[in-house]
């Protein structure tokens, strides 16, 4: 398999998790953490149902991975996530020492991997994470757009 095929395979797994978040009324974001092409941990957005602003898919996956590997350093791992990570999640990835992050949709409002800010490329960091964006971007973007379109329609209906 090529790296592109591997990336698309794991991103598809993250998309499936994003749909779980969506079914719970959460913003549909899913994440999987992989080491040696093997699933270590996964997560999906849970901020609303957990009443926790830090319960992003990436953070949940990183927390589960730390437990699975018995280490807070997640060396030689790749995190696949359907939406470009925010500042909080990018910081957690740097601190956990993941090797690579692969994301689907760009986030021009809060993305911290190049679309809005580029935390990952900030000079002087003690660890750098390799970033690959745009993997299955159309699928990830479409899912998010449909979710927010529905949410806007629901809010408009509530105002009536």
Protein backbone atom coordinates (compact mmCIF):
# COMPACT_ATOMS: atom_id res chain seq x y z
CA UNK A 1 0.00 0.00 0.00
CA UNK A 2 1.12 3.54 -0.69
CA UNK A 3 1.19 6.21 2.04
CA UNK A 4 -1.79 7.89 0.37
CA UNK A 5 -3.80 4.65 0.52
CA UNK A 6 -2.84 4.14 4.17
CA UNK A 7 -3.81 7.73 5.01
CA UNK A 8 -7.16 7.37 3.24
CA UNK A 9 -7.88 4.09 5.02
CA UNK A 10 -7.32 5.57 8.47
CA UNK A 11 -9.15 8.79 7.61
CA UNK A 12 -12.16 6.68 6.63
CA UNK A 13 -12.01 5.14 10.12
CA UNK A 14 -11.98 8.66 11.61
CA UNK A 15 -15.00 9.59 9.46
CA UNK A 16 -16.93 6.64 10.90
CA UNK A 17 -16.20 7.96 14.40
CA UNK A 18 -17.26 11.47 13.37
CA UNK A 19 -20.64 10.01 12.47
CA UNK A 20 -20.91 8.67 16.04
CA UNK A 21 -20.35 12.22 17.31
CA UNK A 22 -22.98 13.51 14.92
CA UNK A 23 -25.49 10.90 16.13
CA UNK A 24 -24.97 12.31 19.64
CA UNK A 25 -25.61 15.88 18.47
CA UNK A 26 -21.93 16.76 18.57
CA UNK A 27 -19.92 18.47 15.84
CA UNK A 28 -18.92 15.49 13.67
CA UNK A 29 -15.19 15.13 14.31
CA UNK A 30 -13.48 11.78 14.73
CA UNK A 31 -9.87 10.82 15.41
CA UNK A 32 -7.76 7.68 15.39
CA UNK A 33 -4.20 7.28 16.63
CA UNK A 34 -2.09 4.72 14.81
CA UNK A 35 1.33 3.19 15.46
CA UNK A 36 2.99 0.83 12.99
CA UNK A 37 -0.24 0.90 10.94
CA UNK A 38 -2.16 -0.48 13.94
CA UNK A 39 -4.98 1.27 15.78
CA UNK A 40 -3.92 2.36 19.27
CA UNK A 41 -6.82 4.61 20.29
CA UNK A 42 -9.76 6.58 18.97
CA UNK A 43 -12.14 9.34 19.95
CA UNK A 44 -14.94 11.55 18.74
CA UNK A 45 -16.23 14.91 19.91
CA UNK A 46 -17.99 14.76 23.28
CA UNK A 47 -17.82 18.37 24.51
CA UNK A 48 -21.60 18.88 24.64
CA UNK A 49 -22.64 15.58 26.22
CA UNK A 50 -19.70 15.56 28.66
CA UNK A 51 -20.07 19.29 29.49
CA UNK A 52 -16.34 19.52 28.85
CA UNK A 53 -14.77 22.10 26.53
CA UNK A 54 -11.65 19.94 26.20
CA UNK A 55 -13.49 16.79 25.05
CA UNK A 56 -12.40 17.13 21.43
CA UNK A 57 -11.91 13.97 19.39
CA UNK A 58 -8.14 14.44 19.32
CA UNK A 59 -7.81 14.93 23.08
CA UNK A 60 -9.90 11.85 23.80
CA UNK A 61 -7.80 9.77 21.38
CA UNK A 62 -4.55 11.06 22.94
CA UNK A 63 -5.81 10.28 26.46
CA UNK A 64 -6.83 6.74 25.49
CA UNK A 65 -3.51 6.24 23.69
CA UNK A 66 -1.55 7.25 26.78
CA UNK A 67 -3.43 4.61 28.75
CA UNK A 68 -3.03 1.98 26.02
CA UNK A 69 0.72 2.58 25.71
CA UNK A 70 1.28 3.29 29.43
CA UNK A 71 3.14 6.45 28.45
CA UNK A 72 2.30 10.11 28.03
CA UNK A 73 4.81 10.25 25.20
CA UNK A 74 3.17 8.87 22.06
CA UNK A 75 6.32 8.48 20.02
CA UNK A 76 6.22 7.21 16.43
CA UNK A 77 2.45 7.63 16.13
CA UNK A 78 0.15 9.28 13.60
CA UNK A 79 -3.12 10.96 14.51
CA UNK A 80 -5.83 11.04 11.84
CA UNK A 81 -8.59 13.58 12.41
CA UNK A 82 -11.45 14.70 10.18
CA UNK A 83 -11.04 18.43 10.95
CA UNK A 84 -7.87 20.49 11.21
CA UNK A 85 -6.89 20.61 14.90
CA UNK A 86 -7.48 23.72 17.01
CA UNK A 87 -4.83 25.42 19.15
CA UNK A 88 -5.60 23.27 22.20
CA UNK A 89 -5.38 20.02 20.27
CA UNK A 90 -2.25 21.08 18.37
CA UNK A 91 -0.57 21.90 21.68
CA UNK A 92 -1.52 18.52 23.12
CA UNK A 93 -0.05 16.81 20.05
CA UNK A 94 3.23 18.66 20.47
CA UNK A 95 3.37 17.78 24.19
CA UNK A 96 2.56 14.12 23.52
CA UNK A 97 5.33 13.96 20.88
CA UNK A 98 3.26 12.37 18.15
CA UNK A 99 5.19 12.17 14.89
CA UNK A 100 2.49 13.14 12.45
CA UNK A 101 -1.02 14.53 12.19
CA UNK A 102 -3.19 13.93 9.13
CA UNK A 103 -6.40 15.91 8.82
CA UNK A 104 -9.29 16.07 6.38
CA UNK A 105 -11.12 19.42 6.29
CA UNK A 106 -9.42 22.77 6.76
CA UNK A 107 -10.71 25.06 9.52
CA UNK A 108 -10.27 28.67 8.50
CA UNK A 109 -11.68 29.98 11.81
CA UNK A 110 -9.73 28.00 14.40
CA UNK A 111 -7.36 25.64 12.55
CA UNK A 112 -3.90 25.63 14.09
CA UNK A 113 -2.05 23.60 11.44
CA UNK A 114 -1.84 26.26 8.76
CA UNK A 115 -5.34 27.40 7.78
CA UNK A 116 -5.80 30.06 10.48
CA UNK A 117 -2.65 29.72 12.58
CA UNK A 118 0.35 27.45 12.23
CA UNK A 119 1.25 26.32 15.73
CA UNK A 120 2.99 23.24 14.34
CA UNK A 121 5.43 25.40 12.38
CA UNK A 122 6.22 27.83 15.21
CA UNK A 123 9.97 28.35 15.49
CA UNK A 124 11.64 27.33 18.72
CA UNK A 125 9.38 24.46 19.75
CA UNK A 126 10.98 21.47 21.47
CA UNK A 127 9.10 19.07 19.16
CA UNK A 128 7.75 19.32 15.65
CA UNK A 129 4.81 17.37 14.29
CA UNK A 130 4.69 16.59 10.57
CA UNK A 131 1.38 17.81 9.12
CA UNK A 132 -0.54 16.43 6.14
CA UNK A 133 -3.83 18.13 5.34
CA UNK A 134 -6.61 17.53 2.87
CA UNK A 135 -6.90 13.73 3.09
CA UNK A 136 -10.48 12.87 2.04
CA UNK A 137 -11.09 16.60 2.37
CA UNK A 138 -14.27 16.61 0.29
CA UNK A 139 -15.92 13.89 2.41
CA UNK A 140 -14.89 15.52 5.69
CA UNK A 141 -15.92 19.03 4.58
CA UNK A 142 -19.26 17.84 3.23
CA UNK A 143 -20.08 16.08 6.48
CA UNK A 144 -19.32 19.20 8.53
CA UNK A 145 -21.18 21.53 6.15
CA UNK A 146 -24.29 19.32 6.22
CA UNK A 147 -24.18 19.23 10.03
CA UNK A 148 -24.00 23.01 10.39
CA UNK A 149 -26.67 23.54 7.73
CA UNK A 150 -29.01 21.27 9.68
CA UNK A 151 -28.13 22.96 12.98
CA UNK A 152 -28.86 26.42 11.52
CA UNK A 153 -32.21 25.18 10.22
CA UNK A 154 -33.06 23.73 13.65
CA UNK A 155 -32.20 27.00 15.40
CA UNK A 156 -34.25 28.95 12.89
CA UNK A 157 -37.20 26.61 13.50
CA UNK A 158 -36.87 27.05 17.28
CA UNK A 159 -37.18 30.83 16.90
CA UNK A 160 -40.57 30.47 15.18
